[in-house]
Amino acid sequence: MRLDKLLTRLGEASRSGCRELLKTGRVRVNGETVASGAFSVPEGALVTLDGRPLDCRLDRYLMMNKPAGVLTAREDARQKTVMDLLPPVYASLECMPVGRLDKDTTGLLLLTTDGELAHRLISPARHVDKVYEARVEGALEQKDVEAFAEGIPLGDFTALPARLEILAPDVGLATVREGKFHQVKRMFGAVGKPVLALRRLRFGPLSLDEALQPGDYRELNEEEIAALYAAAGIKHE
């Protein structure tokens, strides 16, 4: 990749700003000062800016413990989004959420720069399970378990059969393979048990890292990344 394009993708400067950085000798590749933006950066090269090593990875995969009160969106003029909780480099690399969690829903949110991976993970055709813990109003019953298993009509669509496990009279663990707008809340509402709090605990092969406090994030390790690609049915080098 061209050096100026790399610096821009990493959010270090605009294209015109890159020219100034290079002209003043602030950028080095493998220890050598490079003045040309057209320089092709070798794979695995050490790129430094003012002596600071740059993380040149363009592919990123994150797990966030989404807090309540923030939107799952790239940007919003009036409200805070999950991207506002991350360093700017992730937005520069176009690292986007995989699906959406409602503003007041918390828990596991995946983000990646790989659009095809994201699309496949949220596609009902892939049968990638998402597990939610719901605290509801009222007491859950066996008939609710059966309703989830049959598939619940929601007016504009019928939810695919899902699994409901009763953990406590007012707490249920719902496993769904879809992720339509307010779907889990609507499913509980359809059986007369409005949701008071909802948290996603699992997405496909990955569980929420309980070490992450609300609003915290971490990058996925190679094993976790490979598991996501396997779940999506994509070969990953």
Foldseek 3Di string as FASTA:
>chain_A
DFQLVLCQLQVVDDSVVVQVQLCVQQKDWQRHRHNDRRDDHDPPIFIGGNNHTDDRDLKFKKKAFAAAQAWQDLDDPPGHHLCNLDPCSCVSSVWHWLATDDRGATEIIMTISDPLLSVLLQDLVLQWKWKKKFFWPFFDDVVLQVCLQPWDDQPVGTFHRWGWDDPDRRIIIIIGNHRDDCVVQSSCVRVPIGTPYMYIQDTRPDGTDPVHDHSDMDTDDPVVVCSSCVSSVHDDD
